[in-house]
Amino acid sequence: MKIKYFTDTDTLYIEFQSANIVETRDLDDNTLIDIDMHGNVCAITIEHAQQRTNIPNISFEQIVA
């Protein structure tokens, strides 16, 4: 997984897997979901991210079951 934040455009990009994107769907006016040929969600793009998330406090934790 890759998480990128672009300060110049206030865009948060979360990539779950690298794949050929065949469709991008609008979840709402400021959220896009990238879908591969098998219908899997590969990435999410969030525009106006600072208004919609708490960017300075993002953390990642992997839990092994």
N, C-alpha and C. Protein backbone atom coordinates (compact mmCIF):
# COMPACT_ATOMS: atom_id res chain seq x y z
N MET A 1 0.85 -1.16 0.00
CA MET A 1 0.00 0.00 0.00
C MET A 1 0.90 1.23 0.00
N LYS A 2 0.46 2.25 -0.74
CA LYS A 2 1.16 3.53 -0.78
C LYS A 2 0.17 4.63 -0.45
N ILE A 3 0.61 5.57 0.37
CA ILE A 3 -0.19 6.73 0.70
C ILE A 3 0.61 7.96 0.32
N LYS A 4 0.01 8.83 -0.50
CA LYS A 4 0.68 10.06 -0.92
C LYS A 4 -0.24 11.24 -0.65
N TYR A 5 0.35 12.31 -0.14
CA TYR A 5 -0.41 13.53 0.07
C TYR A 5 0.27 14.64 -0.72
N PHE A 6 -0.48 15.28 -1.60
CA PHE A 6 0.02 16.36 -2.45
C PHE A 6 -0.44 17.69 -1.86
N THR A 7 0.48 18.40 -1.21
CA THR A 7 0.12 19.65 -0.53
C THR A 7 -0.34 20.72 -1.50
N ASP A 8 0.24 20.75 -2.70
CA ASP A 8 -0.10 21.81 -3.66
C ASP A 8 -1.55 21.73 -4.13
N THR A 9 -2.13 20.51 -4.15
CA THR A 9 -3.52 20.36 -4.58
C THR A 9 -4.44 19.87 -3.46
N ASP A 10 -3.88 19.67 -2.25
CA ASP A 10 -4.62 19.15 -1.10
C ASP A 10 -5.34 17.86 -1.47
N THR A 11 -4.57 16.94 -2.06
CA THR A 11 -5.11 15.66 -2.53
C THR A 11 -4.44 14.51 -1.80
N LEU A 12 -5.24 13.59 -1.31
CA LEU A 12 -4.75 12.38 -0.66
C LEU A 12 -4.99 11.21 -1.61
N TYR A 13 -3.93 10.45 -1.89
CA TYR A 13 -4.02 9.30 -2.79
C TYR A 13 -3.61 8.06 -2.02
N ILE A 14 -4.50 7.08 -1.94
CA ILE A 14 -4.22 5.83 -1.25
C ILE A 14 -4.29 4.71 -2.28
N GLU A 15 -3.15 4.07 -2.52
CA GLU A 15 -3.08 2.96 -3.48
C GLU A 15 -3.00 1.65 -2.71
N PHE A 16 -3.97 0.78 -2.91
CA PHE A 16 -3.99 -0.51 -2.24
C PHE A 16 -3.19 -1.55 -3.00
N GLN A 17 -3.23 -1.47 -4.32
CA GLN A 17 -2.47 -2.39 -5.16
C GLN A 17 -2.20 -1.73 -6.50
N SER A 18 -1.06 -2.05 -7.06
CA SER A 18 -0.70 -1.52 -8.37
C SER A 18 -1.32 -2.43 -9.43
N ALA A 19 -2.16 -1.86 -10.27
CA ALA A 19 -2.84 -2.65 -11.30
C ALA A 19 -3.25 -1.71 -12.43
N ASN A 20 -3.62 -2.30 -13.54
CA ASN A 20 -4.15 -1.50 -14.64
C ASN A 20 -5.57 -1.09 -14.30
N ILE A 21 -5.79 0.20 -14.24
CA ILE A 21 -7.11 0.74 -13.90
C ILE A 21 -7.97 0.77 -15.16
N VAL A 22 -9.15 0.19 -15.07
CA VAL A 22 -10.06 0.18 -16.22
C VAL A 22 -11.23 1.13 -16.02
N GLU A 23 -11.45 1.55 -14.78
CA GLU A 23 -12.57 2.46 -14.52
C GLU A 23 -12.28 3.28 -13.27
N THR A 24 -12.67 4.53 -13.32
CA THR A 24 -12.62 5.40 -12.15
C THR A 24 -14.04 5.85 -11.86
N ARG A 25 -14.49 5.57 -10.66
CA ARG A 25 -15.87 5.90 -10.25
C ARG A 25 -15.86 7.07 -9.28
N ASP A 26 -16.86 7.92 -9.42
CA ASP A 26 -17.07 9.01 -8.48
C ASP A 26 -17.87 8.48 -7.30
N LEU A 27 -17.26 8.50 -6.13
CA LEU A 27 -18.00 8.13 -4.92
C LEU A 27 -18.86 9.31 -4.48
N ASP A 28 -18.26 10.51 -4.55
CA ASP A 28 -18.97 11.77 -4.36
C ASP A 28 -18.21 12.83 -5.14
N ASP A 29 -18.52 14.10 -4.93
CA ASP A 29 -17.89 15.16 -5.72
C ASP A 29 -16.38 15.23 -5.56
N ASN A 30 -15.85 14.75 -4.44
CA ASN A 30 -14.42 14.89 -4.15
C ASN A 30 -13.71 13.58 -3.84
N THR A 31 -14.34 12.45 -4.16
CA THR A 31 -13.73 11.15 -3.90
C THR A 31 -13.86 10.27 -5.14
N LEU A 32 -12.71 9.75 -5.58
CA LEU A 32 -12.66 8.88 -6.75
C LEU A 32 -12.13 7.51 -6.34
N ILE A 33 -12.68 6.46 -6.94
CA ILE A 33 -12.24 5.09 -6.67
C ILE A 33 -11.79 4.48 -7.99
N ASP A 34 -10.56 3.96 -8.01
CA ASP A 34 -10.01 3.29 -9.19
C ASP A 34 -10.26 1.79 -9.09
N ILE A 35 -10.79 1.23 -10.17
CA ILE A 35 -11.19 -0.18 -10.23
C ILE A 35 -10.39 -0.90 -11.31
N ASP A 36 -9.95 -2.15 -11.03
CA ASP A 36 -9.24 -2.92 -12.04
C ASP A 36 -10.22 -3.78 -12.84
N MET A 37 -9.72 -4.58 -13.76
CA MET A 37 -10.57 -5.38 -14.66
C MET A 37 -11.38 -6.45 -13.93
N HIS A 38 -11.00 -6.78 -12.71
CA HIS A 38 -11.71 -7.79 -11.94
C HIS A 38 -12.70 -7.18 -10.95
N GLY A 39 -12.82 -5.85 -10.97
CA GLY A 39 -13.74 -5.17 -10.07
C GLY A 39 -13.16 -4.85 -8.71
N ASN A 40 -11.85 -5.05 -8.55
CA ASN A 40 -11.20 -4.76 -7.27
C ASN A 40 -10.89 -3.27 -7.14
N VAL A 41 -11.07 -2.74 -5.93
CA VAL A 41 -10.69 -1.36 -5.65
C VAL A 41 -9.17 -1.32 -5.52
N CYS A 42 -8.53 -0.52 -6.36
CA CYS A 42 -7.06 -0.42 -6.35
C CYS A 42 -6.57 0.85 -5.67
N ALA A 43 -7.37 1.91 -5.73
CA ALA A 43 -6.93 3.18 -5.15
C ALA A 43 -8.13 4.08 -4.87
N ILE A 44 -7.90 5.01 -3.95
CA ILE A 44 -8.89 6.03 -3.63
C ILE A 44 -8.19 7.39 -3.67
N THR A 45 -8.83 8.36 -4.30
CA THR A 45 -8.32 9.72 -4.33
C THR A 45 -9.32 10.61 -3.60
N ILE A 46 -8.82 11.41 -2.66
CA ILE A 46 -9.67 12.32 -1.89
C ILE A 46 -9.19 13.75 -2.14
N GLU A 47 -10.03 14.54 -2.78
CA GLU A 47 -9.74 15.95 -3.01
C GLU A 47 -10.15 16.76 -1.78
N HIS A 48 -9.54 17.92 -1.58
CA HIS A 48 -9.80 18.77 -0.41
C HIS A 48 -9.60 17.95 0.87
N ALA A 49 -8.52 17.22 0.91
CA ALA A 49 -8.27 16.24 1.97
C ALA A 49 -8.18 16.85 3.36
N GLN A 50 -7.59 18.02 3.50
CA GLN A 50 -7.47 18.62 4.83
C GLN A 50 -8.83 18.98 5.42
N GLN A 51 -9.76 19.33 4.57
CA GLN A 51 -11.11 19.66 5.04
C GLN A 51 -11.89 18.40 5.42
N ARG A 52 -11.53 17.27 4.81
CA ARG A 52 -12.32 16.06 4.96
C ARG A 52 -11.68 14.99 5.84
N THR A 53 -10.40 15.16 6.17
CA THR A 53 -9.68 14.19 6.99
C THR A 53 -8.80 14.93 7.98
N ASN A 54 -8.12 14.19 8.82
CA ASN A 54 -7.19 14.78 9.76
C ASN A 54 -5.78 14.41 9.31
N ILE A 55 -5.32 15.03 8.22
CA ILE A 55 -4.06 14.69 7.57
C ILE A 55 -2.87 14.62 8.54
N PRO A 56 -2.64 15.59 9.42
CA PRO A 56 -1.45 15.51 10.28
C PRO A 56 -1.44 14.30 11.22
N ASN A 57 -2.58 13.69 11.43
CA ASN A 57 -2.66 12.59 12.39
C ASN A 57 -2.94 11.24 11.75
N ILE A 58 -2.52 11.05 10.50
CA ILE A 58 -2.69 9.76 9.86
C ILE A 58 -1.64 8.80 10.40
N SER A 59 -2.09 7.60 10.74
CA SER A 59 -1.16 6.57 11.18
C SER A 59 -1.54 5.25 10.51
N PHE A 60 -0.57 4.36 10.48
CA PHE A 60 -0.79 3.05 9.86
C PHE A 60 -0.36 1.99 10.86
N GLU A 61 -1.19 0.98 11.03
CA GLU A 61 -0.85 -0.11 11.93
C GLU A 61 -1.25 -1.42 11.27
N GLN A 62 -0.32 -2.34 11.18
CA GLN A 62 -0.60 -3.65 10.61
C GLN A 62 -0.82 -4.63 11.75
N ILE A 63 -1.96 -5.31 11.73
CA ILE A 63 -2.30 -6.27 12.77
C ILE A 63 -2.19 -7.68 12.17
N VAL A 64 -1.39 -8.52 12.79
CA VAL A 64 -1.25 -9.90 12.33
C VAL A 64 -2.17 -10.78 13.16
N ALA A 65 -3.02 -11.52 12.49
CA ALA A 65 -3.98 -12.39 13.21
C ALA A 65 -3.40 -13.75 13.49
